[in-house]
Amino acid sequence: MRGVVKYGAVALLIACVALVFAQCGAAGGSPSGGPAPASRGGDGFNSQDVMFLQMMLPHQEQGVKLVRLAKDHPVSPRVRTLALAIESTQIAEAEQMQRRLREWRRPLRAQSHEHAAHGGMPQTTDAELEVLVRNPPDRFERAFLNLLIGHQDDAVQMARLETGKGEDAWTRNLAARVDRSRSAQIDQMLAILGPPSSEGPRPPEDSHRK
């Protein structure tokens, strides 16, 4: 009897383990019980495609916050026009990115550590925006453009990584458009800034930007 009970218990244990593994697979989890990586790929797309969209979404939000400062601060009409165009473009792109991630059933945000393999998460911080708004009126536009140039250059670098390593054609095409548009915006802003000033070094807050 003890032998029958022993083998019956083993069979029950095996069945329970099999059920746990089946439930993890159905939920997209891992046998260890931990969540599957948010940036994993799928049919027709890879982890680079997912990560590009997940990294670009907060980057777009930061960019919109930045360009909206041009509405309430002293900038020239051409800078205000550029800022409005950037705001409109990036809001529309963000909606498309969200839709694509939902189609793939991937979260709109990845865990912060998942960005490490992609060089970290480029961002324009709230602290940088606070420094920007403290500039006196006669220096705001130059500081604004320098910060925006750096922000858009981050987008160019992320886009080029996607076009080089992505799999999904739609996402790679989006990245190519991002590369072209941001590069053109950077050229336009550099032209507005003109030659570097000979009056001395730039303020500390601009030293890490172009």
N, C-alpha and C. Protein backbone atom coordinates (compact mmCIF):
# COMPACT_ATOMS: atom_id res chain seq x y z
N MET A 1 0.82 -1.22 0.00
CA MET A 1 0.00 0.00 0.00
C MET A 1 0.85 1.25 0.00
N ARG A 2 1.97 1.17 0.83
CA ARG A 2 2.83 2.36 0.87
C ARG A 2 3.39 2.66 -0.51
N GLY A 3 3.68 1.60 -1.31
CA GLY A 3 4.21 1.80 -2.66
C GLY A 3 3.20 2.47 -3.56
N VAL A 4 1.95 2.05 -3.44
CA VAL A 4 0.90 2.65 -4.27
C VAL A 4 0.72 4.11 -3.92
N VAL A 5 0.70 4.41 -2.59
CA VAL A 5 0.54 5.80 -2.15
C VAL A 5 1.72 6.65 -2.62
N LYS A 6 2.94 6.10 -2.51
CA LYS A 6 4.14 6.83 -2.92
C LYS A 6 4.08 7.20 -4.39
N TYR A 7 3.81 6.23 -5.24
CA TYR A 7 3.78 6.53 -6.67
C TYR A 7 2.60 7.43 -7.03
N GLY A 8 1.51 7.30 -6.31
CA GLY A 8 0.38 8.19 -6.56
C GLY A 8 0.72 9.62 -6.22
N ALA A 9 1.47 9.83 -5.13
CA ALA A 9 1.87 11.18 -4.73
C ALA A 9 2.82 11.78 -5.76
N VAL A 10 3.74 10.96 -6.26
CA VAL A 10 4.69 11.45 -7.28
C VAL A 10 3.95 11.86 -8.54
N ALA A 11 2.97 11.06 -8.94
CA ALA A 11 2.20 11.38 -10.14
C ALA A 11 1.44 12.68 -9.97
N LEU A 12 0.88 12.87 -8.76
CA LEU A 12 0.13 14.10 -8.48
C LEU A 12 1.06 15.30 -8.53
N LEU A 13 2.28 15.16 -7.97
CA LEU A 13 3.25 16.25 -7.99
C LEU A 13 3.63 16.63 -9.41
N ILE A 14 3.88 15.61 -10.24
CA ILE A 14 4.25 15.87 -11.65
C ILE A 14 3.12 16.61 -12.35
N ALA A 15 1.88 16.20 -12.10
CA ALA A 15 0.73 16.85 -12.73
C ALA A 15 0.63 18.30 -12.32
N CYS A 16 0.90 18.57 -11.02
CA CYS A 16 0.82 19.96 -10.54
C CYS A 16 1.89 20.82 -11.17
N VAL A 17 3.11 20.30 -11.29
CA VAL A 17 4.19 21.05 -11.91
C VAL A 17 3.87 21.35 -13.37
N ALA A 18 3.33 20.34 -14.06
CA ALA A 18 2.97 20.54 -15.47
C ALA A 18 1.92 21.63 -15.61
N LEU A 19 0.96 21.66 -14.67
CA LEU A 19 -0.10 22.68 -14.72
C LEU A 19 0.48 24.08 -14.52
N VAL A 20 1.43 24.21 -13.57
CA VAL A 20 2.05 25.51 -13.32
C VAL A 20 2.77 26.00 -14.57
N PHE A 21 3.54 25.13 -15.22
CA PHE A 21 4.26 25.53 -16.44
C PHE A 21 3.30 25.92 -17.54
N ALA A 22 2.20 25.18 -17.67
CA ALA A 22 1.22 25.50 -18.71
C ALA A 22 0.61 26.86 -18.47
N GLN A 23 0.31 27.18 -17.20
CA GLN A 23 -0.29 28.49 -16.89
C GLN A 23 0.69 29.61 -17.16
N CYS A 24 1.97 29.42 -16.85
CA CYS A 24 2.97 30.45 -17.14
C CYS A 24 3.07 30.71 -18.62
N GLY A 25 3.07 29.59 -19.40
CA GLY A 25 3.18 29.78 -20.84
C GLY A 25 1.99 30.51 -21.40
N ALA A 26 0.79 30.17 -20.90
CA ALA A 26 -0.41 30.82 -21.42
C ALA A 26 -0.42 32.30 -21.11
N ALA A 27 0.18 32.67 -19.96
CA ALA A 27 0.16 34.08 -19.56
C ALA A 27 1.35 34.86 -20.08
N GLY A 28 2.26 34.18 -20.81
CA GLY A 28 3.43 34.86 -21.33
C GLY A 28 4.49 35.04 -20.28
N GLY A 29 4.41 34.27 -19.17
CA GLY A 29 5.39 34.40 -18.11
C GLY A 29 6.56 33.48 -18.31
N SER A 30 7.33 33.27 -17.24
CA SER A 30 8.49 32.39 -17.30
C SER A 30 8.35 31.31 -16.25
N PRO A 31 9.01 30.13 -16.47
CA PRO A 31 8.88 29.04 -15.51
C PRO A 31 9.30 29.44 -14.11
N SER A 32 10.20 30.39 -13.96
CA SER A 32 10.67 30.80 -12.65
C SER A 32 9.64 31.62 -11.89
N GLY A 33 8.55 32.00 -12.56
CA GLY A 33 7.52 32.80 -11.92
C GLY A 33 7.68 34.28 -12.16
N GLY A 34 8.83 34.72 -12.71
CA GLY A 34 9.06 36.12 -13.00
C GLY A 34 8.40 36.51 -14.31
N PRO A 35 8.15 37.78 -14.53
CA PRO A 35 7.53 38.23 -15.76
C PRO A 35 8.46 38.09 -16.94
N ALA A 36 7.92 37.83 -18.12
CA ALA A 36 8.72 37.80 -19.34
C ALA A 36 9.15 39.22 -19.66
N PRO A 37 10.31 39.39 -20.32
CA PRO A 37 10.78 40.75 -20.63
C PRO A 37 9.75 41.54 -21.42
N ALA A 38 9.52 42.77 -21.02
CA ALA A 38 8.54 43.61 -21.72
C ALA A 38 8.97 43.91 -23.13
N SER A 39 10.27 43.80 -23.42
CA SER A 39 10.77 44.18 -24.73
C SER A 39 10.93 42.99 -25.66
N ARG A 40 10.40 41.81 -25.32
CA ARG A 40 10.58 40.65 -26.18
C ARG A 40 9.90 40.88 -27.52
N GLY A 41 10.40 40.21 -28.54
CA GLY A 41 9.83 40.35 -29.86
C GLY A 41 8.67 39.39 -30.08
N GLY A 42 8.33 39.17 -31.33
CA GLY A 42 7.22 38.31 -31.67
C GLY A 42 7.23 38.03 -33.15
N ASP A 43 6.10 37.61 -33.68
CA ASP A 43 5.99 37.27 -35.09
C ASP A 43 6.10 38.53 -35.95
N GLY A 44 7.18 38.69 -36.70
CA GLY A 44 7.34 39.83 -37.60
C GLY A 44 8.01 41.03 -36.99
N PHE A 45 8.33 40.98 -35.69
CA PHE A 45 9.02 42.09 -35.05
C PHE A 45 9.96 41.54 -33.99
N ASN A 46 10.97 42.31 -33.65
CA ASN A 46 11.94 41.83 -32.66
C ASN A 46 12.01 42.76 -31.45
N SER A 47 12.88 42.43 -30.51
CA SER A 47 12.98 43.21 -29.28
C SER A 47 13.45 44.63 -29.54
N GLN A 48 14.25 44.83 -30.60
CA GLN A 48 14.70 46.19 -30.93
C GLN A 48 13.52 47.07 -31.34
N ASP A 49 12.59 46.52 -32.12
CA ASP A 49 11.40 47.28 -32.52
C ASP A 49 10.60 47.72 -31.29
N VAL A 50 10.40 46.78 -30.36
CA VAL A 50 9.63 47.08 -29.16
C VAL A 50 10.35 48.14 -28.32
N MET A 51 11.65 47.93 -28.12
CA MET A 51 12.39 48.85 -27.26
C MET A 51 12.45 50.25 -27.87
N PHE A 52 12.59 50.34 -29.19
CA PHE A 52 12.61 51.66 -29.84
C PHE A 52 11.34 52.43 -29.53
N LEU A 53 10.19 51.79 -29.69
CA LEU A 53 8.92 52.47 -29.43
C LEU A 53 8.76 52.80 -27.96
N GLN A 54 9.16 51.87 -27.09
CA GLN A 54 9.04 52.12 -25.64
C GLN A 54 9.96 53.25 -25.18
N MET A 55 11.12 53.40 -25.82
CA MET A 55 12.04 54.48 -25.46
C MET A 55 11.61 55.81 -26.07
N MET A 56 11.05 55.74 -27.27
CA MET A 56 10.65 56.97 -27.95
C MET A 56 9.44 57.62 -27.30
N LEU A 57 8.53 56.84 -26.75
CA LEU A 57 7.31 57.43 -26.18
C LEU A 57 7.60 58.44 -25.06
N PRO A 58 8.38 58.07 -24.04
CA PRO A 58 8.69 59.09 -23.02
C PRO A 58 9.56 60.21 -23.59
N HIS A 59 10.38 59.88 -24.56
CA HIS A 59 11.21 60.92 -25.20
C HIS A 59 10.33 61.93 -25.92
N GLN A 60 9.29 61.46 -26.58
CA GLN A 60 8.34 62.36 -27.25
C GLN A 60 7.63 63.25 -26.23
N GLU A 61 7.23 62.66 -25.12
CA GLU A 61 6.54 63.45 -24.09
C GLU A 61 7.45 64.55 -23.54
N GLN A 62 8.70 64.20 -23.32
CA GLN A 62 9.66 65.20 -22.84
C GLN A 62 9.84 66.31 -23.88
N GLY A 63 9.90 65.91 -25.16
CA GLY A 63 10.06 66.90 -26.22
C GLY A 63 8.88 67.86 -26.30
N VAL A 64 7.67 67.33 -26.13
CA VAL A 64 6.48 68.18 -26.16
C VAL A 64 6.50 69.17 -24.99
N LYS A 65 6.89 68.69 -23.81
CA LYS A 65 7.01 69.61 -22.67
C LYS A 65 8.01 70.72 -22.96
N LEU A 66 9.11 70.35 -23.59
CA LEU A 66 10.15 71.33 -23.90
C LEU A 66 9.65 72.37 -24.90
N VAL A 67 9.09 71.94 -26.03
CA VAL A 67 8.72 72.92 -27.06
C VAL A 67 7.55 73.79 -26.63
N ARG A 68 6.72 73.29 -25.72
CA ARG A 68 5.60 74.12 -25.24
C ARG A 68 6.07 75.33 -24.45
N LEU A 69 7.30 75.29 -23.98
CA LEU A 69 7.84 76.45 -23.26
C LEU A 69 7.99 77.66 -24.18
N ALA A 70 8.07 77.41 -25.48
CA ALA A 70 8.21 78.51 -26.43
C ALA A 70 6.94 79.35 -26.53
N LYS A 71 5.82 78.81 -26.05
CA LYS A 71 4.57 79.55 -26.13
C LYS A 71 4.52 80.72 -25.14
N ASP A 72 5.19 80.53 -24.01
CA ASP A 72 5.08 81.52 -22.93
C ASP A 72 6.39 82.22 -22.63
N HIS A 73 7.37 82.07 -23.51
CA HIS A 73 8.67 82.70 -23.28
C HIS A 73 9.11 83.44 -24.53
N PRO A 74 10.02 84.40 -24.38
CA PRO A 74 10.42 85.24 -25.51
C PRO A 74 11.28 84.51 -26.53
N VAL A 75 10.66 84.18 -27.65
CA VAL A 75 11.38 83.58 -28.78
C VAL A 75 10.92 84.28 -30.05
N SER A 76 11.71 84.16 -31.09
CA SER A 76 11.36 84.78 -32.37
C SER A 76 10.21 84.02 -33.03
N PRO A 77 9.51 84.65 -33.97
CA PRO A 77 8.40 83.97 -34.65
C PRO A 77 8.81 82.66 -35.32
N ARG A 78 9.99 82.61 -35.92
CA ARG A 78 10.39 81.37 -36.60
C ARG A 78 10.67 80.26 -35.60
N VAL A 79 11.17 80.58 -34.42
CA VAL A 79 11.38 79.55 -33.40
C VAL A 79 10.04 79.08 -32.86
N ARG A 80 9.11 80.00 -32.66
CA ARG A 80 7.78 79.60 -32.18
C ARG A 80 7.08 78.72 -33.20
N THR A 81 7.21 79.04 -34.48
CA THR A 81 6.62 78.23 -35.55
C THR A 81 7.22 76.83 -35.55
N LEU A 82 8.54 76.75 -35.42
CA LEU A 82 9.22 75.45 -35.38
C LEU A 82 8.74 74.64 -34.17
N ALA A 83 8.62 75.28 -33.03
CA ALA A 83 8.18 74.59 -31.82
C ALA A 83 6.77 74.03 -31.98
N LEU A 84 5.88 74.80 -32.58
CA LEU A 84 4.52 74.33 -32.81
C LEU A 84 4.49 73.13 -33.75
N ALA A 85 5.32 73.16 -34.79
CA ALA A 85 5.39 72.06 -35.75
C ALA A 85 5.92 70.79 -35.08
N ILE A 86 6.94 70.95 -34.24
CA ILE A 86 7.49 69.80 -33.52
C ILE A 86 6.45 69.21 -32.58
N GLU A 87 5.73 70.06 -31.86
CA GLU A 87 4.69 69.57 -30.95
C GLU A 87 3.65 68.74 -31.69
N SER A 88 3.15 69.26 -32.80
CA SER A 88 2.12 68.56 -33.57
C SER A 88 2.64 67.22 -34.09
N THR A 89 3.84 67.22 -34.64
CA THR A 89 4.42 66.00 -35.21
C THR A 89 4.62 64.93 -34.14
N GLN A 90 5.18 65.32 -33.00
CA GLN A 90 5.52 64.34 -32.00
C GLN A 90 4.29 63.78 -31.29
N ILE A 91 3.23 64.56 -31.15
CA ILE A 91 1.99 64.04 -30.59
C ILE A 91 1.39 63.00 -31.52
N ALA A 92 1.39 63.29 -32.82
CA ALA A 92 0.85 62.34 -33.80
C ALA A 92 1.68 61.05 -33.83
N GLU A 93 2.99 61.18 -33.80
CA GLU A 93 3.86 60.00 -33.79
C GLU A 93 3.64 59.16 -32.54
N ALA A 94 3.49 59.82 -31.40
CA ALA A 94 3.29 59.09 -30.15
C ALA A 94 2.01 58.25 -30.20
N GLU A 95 0.96 58.79 -30.78
CA GLU A 95 -0.29 58.04 -30.91
C GLU A 95 -0.09 56.80 -31.77
N GLN A 96 0.69 56.93 -32.85
CA GLN A 96 0.97 55.80 -33.72
C GLN A 96 1.81 54.74 -32.99
N MET A 97 2.78 55.18 -32.22
CA MET A 97 3.63 54.26 -31.47
C MET A 97 2.82 53.48 -30.44
N GLN A 98 1.94 54.17 -29.74
CA GLN A 98 1.09 53.51 -28.75
C GLN A 98 0.22 52.45 -29.43
N ARG A 99 -0.34 52.79 -30.58
CA ARG A 99 -1.20 51.85 -31.28
C ARG A 99 -0.43 50.60 -31.69
N ARG A 100 0.81 50.79 -32.15
CA ARG A 100 1.62 49.65 -32.58
C ARG A 100 1.95 48.74 -31.40
N LEU A 101 2.33 49.31 -30.28
CA LEU A 101 2.65 48.49 -29.12
C LEU A 101 1.41 47.73 -28.62
N ARG A 102 0.26 48.36 -28.67
CA ARG A 102 -0.97 47.67 -28.25
C ARG A 102 -1.30 46.52 -29.20
N GLU A 103 -1.04 46.71 -30.49
CA GLU A 103 -1.26 45.64 -31.45
C GLU A 103 -0.37 44.44 -31.13
N TRP A 104 0.83 44.72 -30.67
CA TRP A 104 1.77 43.66 -30.30
C TRP A 104 1.54 43.14 -28.89
N ARG A 105 0.59 43.75 -28.16
CA ARG A 105 0.32 43.39 -26.77
C ARG A 105 1.57 43.54 -25.91
N ARG A 106 2.23 44.66 -26.11
CA ARG A 106 3.42 45.00 -25.33
C ARG A 106 3.13 46.25 -24.51
N PRO A 107 3.69 46.38 -23.33
CA PRO A 107 3.45 47.57 -22.51
C PRO A 107 4.02 48.82 -23.17
N LEU A 108 3.43 49.96 -22.85
CA LEU A 108 3.92 51.23 -23.41
C LEU A 108 5.22 51.67 -22.75
N ARG A 109 5.53 51.11 -21.61
CA ARG A 109 6.77 51.42 -20.90
C ARG A 109 7.47 50.13 -20.55
N ALA A 110 8.79 50.15 -20.62
CA ALA A 110 9.58 49.02 -20.17
C ALA A 110 10.18 49.33 -18.81
N GLN A 111 10.60 48.31 -18.10
CA GLN A 111 11.32 48.53 -16.86
C GLN A 111 12.62 49.27 -17.17
N SER A 112 13.06 50.14 -16.27
CA SER A 112 14.23 50.99 -16.53
C SER A 112 15.46 50.17 -16.86
N HIS A 113 15.64 49.00 -16.22
CA HIS A 113 16.85 48.21 -16.45
C HIS A 113 16.87 47.60 -17.85
N GLU A 114 15.70 47.52 -18.51
CA GLU A 114 15.66 46.93 -19.84
C GLU A 114 16.26 47.85 -20.90
N HIS A 115 16.49 49.12 -20.55
CA HIS A 115 17.10 50.05 -21.50
C HIS A 115 18.62 49.95 -21.50
N ALA A 116 19.19 49.22 -20.54
CA ALA A 116 20.64 49.22 -20.38
C ALA A 116 21.35 48.72 -21.63
N ALA A 117 20.82 47.68 -22.24
CA ALA A 117 21.47 47.12 -23.43
C ALA A 117 21.39 48.05 -24.63
N HIS A 118 20.57 49.08 -24.55
CA HIS A 118 20.41 50.04 -25.64
C HIS A 118 21.07 51.38 -25.31
N GLY A 119 21.98 51.35 -24.35
CA GLY A 119 22.71 52.57 -24.02
C GLY A 119 22.01 53.46 -23.02
N GLY A 120 20.99 52.93 -22.35
CA GLY A 120 20.27 53.75 -21.39
C GLY A 120 19.15 54.54 -22.03
N MET A 121 18.44 55.27 -21.22
CA MET A 121 17.28 56.02 -21.71
C MET A 121 17.65 57.49 -21.88
N PRO A 122 17.83 57.94 -23.14
CA PRO A 122 18.10 59.37 -23.35
C PRO A 122 16.91 60.20 -22.89
N GLN A 123 17.18 61.28 -22.20
CA GLN A 123 16.07 62.09 -21.74
C GLN A 123 16.51 63.53 -21.47
N THR A 124 15.53 64.42 -21.60
CA THR A 124 15.69 65.80 -21.16
C THR A 124 14.94 65.89 -19.84
N THR A 125 15.66 66.13 -18.77
CA THR A 125 15.08 66.02 -17.44
C THR A 125 14.29 67.27 -17.05
N ASP A 126 13.43 67.10 -16.05
CA ASP A 126 12.69 68.24 -15.50
C ASP A 126 13.65 69.28 -14.93
N ALA A 127 14.77 68.79 -14.38
CA ALA A 127 15.76 69.73 -13.83
C ALA A 127 16.33 70.62 -14.93
N GLU A 128 16.56 70.06 -16.10
CA GLU A 128 17.06 70.86 -17.23
C GLU A 128 16.03 71.89 -17.67
N LEU A 129 14.76 71.48 -17.66
CA LEU A 129 13.70 72.43 -18.03
C LEU A 129 13.61 73.57 -17.01
N GLU A 130 13.79 73.23 -15.75
CA GLU A 130 13.75 74.27 -14.71
C GLU A 130 14.90 75.26 -14.88
N VAL A 131 16.07 74.76 -15.23
CA VAL A 131 17.21 75.65 -15.49
C VAL A 131 16.92 76.53 -16.70
N LEU A 132 16.32 75.93 -17.72
CA LEU A 132 16.01 76.68 -18.93
C LEU A 132 15.09 77.86 -18.64
N VAL A 133 14.03 77.65 -17.90
CA VAL A 133 13.05 78.72 -17.68
C VAL A 133 13.61 79.83 -16.79
N ARG A 134 14.70 79.56 -16.10
CA ARG A 134 15.31 80.60 -15.27
C ARG A 134 16.24 81.52 -16.05
N ASN A 135 16.44 81.22 -17.33
CA ASN A 135 17.27 82.10 -18.14
C ASN A 135 16.62 83.46 -18.30
N PRO A 136 17.39 84.52 -18.29
CA PRO A 136 16.81 85.85 -18.55
C PRO A 136 16.25 85.91 -19.97
N PRO A 137 15.30 86.79 -20.22
CA PRO A 137 14.64 86.85 -21.53
C PRO A 137 15.59 86.93 -22.71
N ASP A 138 16.69 87.69 -22.57
CA ASP A 138 17.57 87.87 -23.72
C ASP A 138 18.44 86.64 -23.99
N ARG A 139 18.39 85.65 -23.09
CA ARG A 139 19.19 84.44 -23.30
C ARG A 139 18.34 83.19 -23.44
N PHE A 140 17.02 83.35 -23.29
CA PHE A 140 16.16 82.17 -23.29
C PHE A 140 16.20 81.44 -24.64
N GLU A 141 16.07 82.16 -25.74
CA GLU A 141 15.97 81.49 -27.03
C GLU A 141 17.21 80.65 -27.32
N ARG A 142 18.39 81.18 -27.07
CA ARG A 142 19.61 80.41 -27.35
C ARG A 142 19.68 79.17 -26.46
N ALA A 143 19.35 79.32 -25.18
CA ALA A 143 19.36 78.16 -24.28
C ALA A 143 18.31 77.12 -24.70
N PHE A 144 17.15 77.61 -25.11
CA PHE A 144 16.07 76.74 -25.58
C PHE A 144 16.52 75.93 -26.79
N LEU A 145 17.13 76.59 -27.76
CA LEU A 145 17.56 75.91 -28.97
C LEU A 145 18.66 74.90 -28.69
N ASN A 146 19.59 75.26 -27.83
CA ASN A 146 20.66 74.32 -27.49
C ASN A 146 20.12 73.05 -26.83
N LEU A 147 19.16 73.22 -25.91
CA LEU A 147 18.58 72.07 -25.25
C LEU A 147 17.78 71.23 -26.23
N LEU A 148 17.04 71.87 -27.12
CA LEU A 148 16.22 71.15 -28.09
C LEU A 148 17.08 70.43 -29.12
N ILE A 149 18.20 71.01 -29.50
CA ILE A 149 19.12 70.34 -30.43
C ILE A 149 19.61 69.03 -29.81
N GLY A 150 20.03 69.10 -28.55
CA GLY A 150 20.49 67.89 -27.88
C GLY A 150 19.39 66.84 -27.78
N HIS A 151 18.17 67.29 -27.49
CA HIS A 151 17.03 66.38 -27.37
C HIS A 151 16.74 65.69 -28.69
N GLN A 152 16.72 66.45 -29.77
CA GLN A 152 16.42 65.86 -31.07
C GLN A 152 17.55 64.97 -31.57
N ASP A 153 18.78 65.30 -31.18
CA ASP A 153 19.90 64.44 -31.57
C ASP A 153 19.79 63.07 -30.88
N ASP A 154 19.29 63.03 -29.66
CA ASP A 154 19.05 61.75 -29.00
C ASP A 154 18.06 60.90 -29.82
N ALA A 155 17.03 61.54 -30.36
CA ALA A 155 16.05 60.82 -31.18
C ALA A 155 16.70 60.28 -32.44
N VAL A 156 17.58 61.05 -33.05
CA VAL A 156 18.28 60.60 -34.25
C VAL A 156 19.09 59.34 -33.95
N GLN A 157 19.80 59.33 -32.83
CA GLN A 157 20.62 58.17 -32.48
C GLN A 157 19.76 56.93 -32.24
N MET A 158 18.64 57.08 -31.54
CA MET A 158 17.74 55.95 -31.32
C MET A 158 17.16 55.45 -32.63
N ALA A 159 16.80 56.38 -33.52
CA ALA A 159 16.22 56.00 -34.81
C ALA A 159 17.22 55.22 -35.66
N ARG A 160 18.47 55.62 -35.63
CA ARG A 160 19.48 54.92 -36.44
C ARG A 160 19.76 53.52 -35.89
N LEU A 161 19.64 53.35 -34.60
CA LEU A 161 19.78 52.02 -34.03
C LEU A 161 18.64 51.13 -34.50
N GLU A 162 17.44 51.68 -34.56
CA GLU A 162 16.29 50.92 -35.03
C GLU A 162 16.42 50.55 -36.51
N THR A 163 16.79 51.49 -37.36
CA THR A 163 16.90 51.18 -38.79
C THR A 163 18.00 50.16 -39.05
N GLY A 164 18.99 50.10 -38.16
CA GLY A 164 20.06 49.13 -38.34
C GLY A 164 19.75 47.75 -37.81
N LYS A 165 18.89 47.66 -36.76
CA LYS A 165 18.69 46.38 -36.10
C LYS A 165 17.22 45.94 -36.01
N GLY A 166 16.30 46.82 -36.37
CA GLY A 166 14.89 46.46 -36.27
C GLY A 166 14.46 45.48 -37.34
N GLU A 167 13.32 44.84 -37.10
CA GLU A 167 12.78 43.86 -38.04
C GLU A 167 11.47 44.33 -38.68
N ASP A 168 10.63 44.97 -37.91
CA ASP A 168 9.31 45.37 -38.40
C ASP A 168 9.44 46.53 -39.38
N ALA A 169 8.89 46.35 -40.58
CA ALA A 169 9.04 47.36 -41.64
C ALA A 169 8.41 48.69 -41.26
N TRP A 170 7.22 48.65 -40.63
CA TRP A 170 6.55 49.90 -40.25
C TRP A 170 7.40 50.69 -39.26
N THR A 171 7.94 50.00 -38.26
CA THR A 171 8.73 50.68 -37.23
C THR A 171 10.04 51.21 -37.82
N ARG A 172 10.64 50.46 -38.71
CA ARG A 172 11.88 50.93 -39.35
C ARG A 172 11.60 52.15 -40.23
N ASN A 173 10.46 52.16 -40.91
CA ASN A 173 10.09 53.34 -41.72
C ASN A 173 9.85 54.56 -40.83
N LEU A 174 9.19 54.34 -39.69
CA LEU A 174 8.98 55.43 -38.74
C LEU A 174 10.32 55.97 -38.26
N ALA A 175 11.24 55.08 -37.94
CA ALA A 175 12.56 55.50 -37.48
C ALA A 175 13.29 56.31 -38.55
N ALA A 176 13.14 55.91 -39.80
CA ALA A 176 13.78 56.65 -40.89
C ALA A 176 13.20 58.06 -41.00
N ARG A 177 11.88 58.18 -40.82
CA ARG A 177 11.25 59.50 -40.84
C ARG A 177 11.72 60.35 -39.67
N VAL A 178 11.84 59.73 -38.50
CA VAL A 178 12.34 60.44 -37.32
C VAL A 178 13.75 60.96 -37.59
N ASP A 179 14.58 60.13 -38.15
CA ASP A 179 15.97 60.52 -38.46
C ASP A 179 15.98 61.74 -39.38
N ARG A 180 15.19 61.68 -40.47
CA ARG A 180 15.19 62.78 -41.44
C ARG A 180 14.63 64.06 -40.82
N SER A 181 13.51 63.95 -40.12
CA SER A 181 12.86 65.16 -39.61
C SER A 181 13.69 65.82 -38.51
N ARG A 182 14.20 65.02 -37.58
CA ARG A 182 15.00 65.61 -36.50
C ARG A 182 16.31 66.17 -37.02
N SER A 183 16.91 65.50 -37.98
CA SER A 183 18.16 66.02 -38.54
C SER A 183 17.91 67.36 -39.23
N ALA A 184 16.78 67.47 -39.95
CA ALA A 184 16.45 68.74 -40.61
C ALA A 184 16.16 69.83 -39.57
N GLN A 185 15.49 69.47 -38.49
CA GLN A 185 15.22 70.44 -37.43
C GLN A 185 16.51 70.93 -36.78
N ILE A 186 17.44 70.02 -36.56
CA ILE A 186 18.73 70.40 -35.98
C ILE A 186 19.46 71.37 -36.89
N ASP A 187 19.47 71.08 -38.19
CA ASP A 187 20.12 71.98 -39.15
C ASP A 187 19.46 73.37 -39.11
N GLN A 188 18.13 73.38 -39.03
CA GLN A 188 17.41 74.66 -38.98
C GLN A 188 17.76 75.44 -37.71
N MET A 189 17.82 74.74 -36.59
CA MET A 189 18.14 75.42 -35.33
C MET A 189 19.58 75.92 -35.30
N LEU A 190 20.50 75.14 -35.85
CA LEU A 190 21.89 75.59 -35.91
C LEU A 190 22.01 76.84 -36.77
N ALA A 191 21.23 76.90 -37.85
CA ALA A 191 21.24 78.09 -38.70
C ALA A 191 20.70 79.31 -37.95
N ILE A 192 19.66 79.10 -37.14
CA ILE A 192 19.11 80.20 -36.35
C ILE A 192 20.14 80.69 -35.32
N LEU A 193 20.83 79.75 -34.69
CA LEU A 193 21.84 80.13 -33.70
C LEU A 193 22.99 80.90 -34.32
N GLY A 194 23.35 80.54 -35.55
CA GLY A 194 24.46 81.22 -36.22
C GLY A 194 25.79 80.77 -35.65
N PRO A 195 26.87 81.46 -36.03
CA PRO A 195 28.21 81.09 -35.55
C PRO A 195 28.28 81.18 -34.02
N PRO A 196 29.11 80.35 -33.40
CA PRO A 196 29.27 80.41 -31.94
C PRO A 196 29.68 81.81 -31.48
N SER A 197 29.16 82.23 -30.35
CA SER A 197 29.47 83.55 -29.83
C SER A 197 30.92 83.64 -29.41
N SER A 198 31.53 84.81 -29.63
CA SER A 198 32.92 85.02 -29.22
C SER A 198 33.00 85.76 -27.88
N GLU A 199 31.85 85.88 -27.22
CA GLU A 199 31.80 86.64 -25.96
C GLU A 199 32.24 85.81 -24.76
N GLY A 200 32.56 84.54 -24.98
CA GLY A 200 33.00 83.72 -23.86
C GLY A 200 32.28 82.39 -23.87
N PRO A 201 32.53 81.53 -22.90
CA PRO A 201 31.91 80.20 -22.88
C PRO A 201 30.42 80.27 -22.65
N ARG A 202 29.71 79.23 -23.11
CA ARG A 202 28.27 79.16 -22.90
C ARG A 202 27.97 78.92 -21.43
N PRO A 203 26.77 79.20 -21.00
CA PRO A 203 26.39 78.93 -19.62
C PRO A 203 26.56 77.46 -19.30
N PRO A 204 26.80 77.09 -18.04
CA PRO A 204 27.02 75.69 -17.67
C PRO A 204 25.93 74.74 -18.11
N GLU A 205 24.66 75.21 -18.11
CA GLU A 205 23.58 74.30 -18.45
C GLU A 205 23.61 73.88 -19.89
N ASP A 206 24.34 74.60 -20.75
CA ASP A 206 24.39 74.25 -22.16
C ASP A 206 25.64 73.47 -22.52
N SER A 207 26.55 73.27 -21.59
CA SER A 207 27.87 72.75 -21.92
C SER A 207 27.83 71.33 -22.44
N HIS A 208 26.78 70.54 -22.09
CA HIS A 208 26.71 69.16 -22.54
C HIS A 208 25.87 69.01 -23.79
N ARG A 209 25.35 70.11 -24.28
CA ARG A 209 24.55 70.08 -25.50
C ARG A 209 25.34 70.67 -26.64
N LYS A 210 24.77 70.49 -27.84
CA LYS A 210 25.45 71.01 -29.03
C LYS A 210 25.42 72.51 -29.03
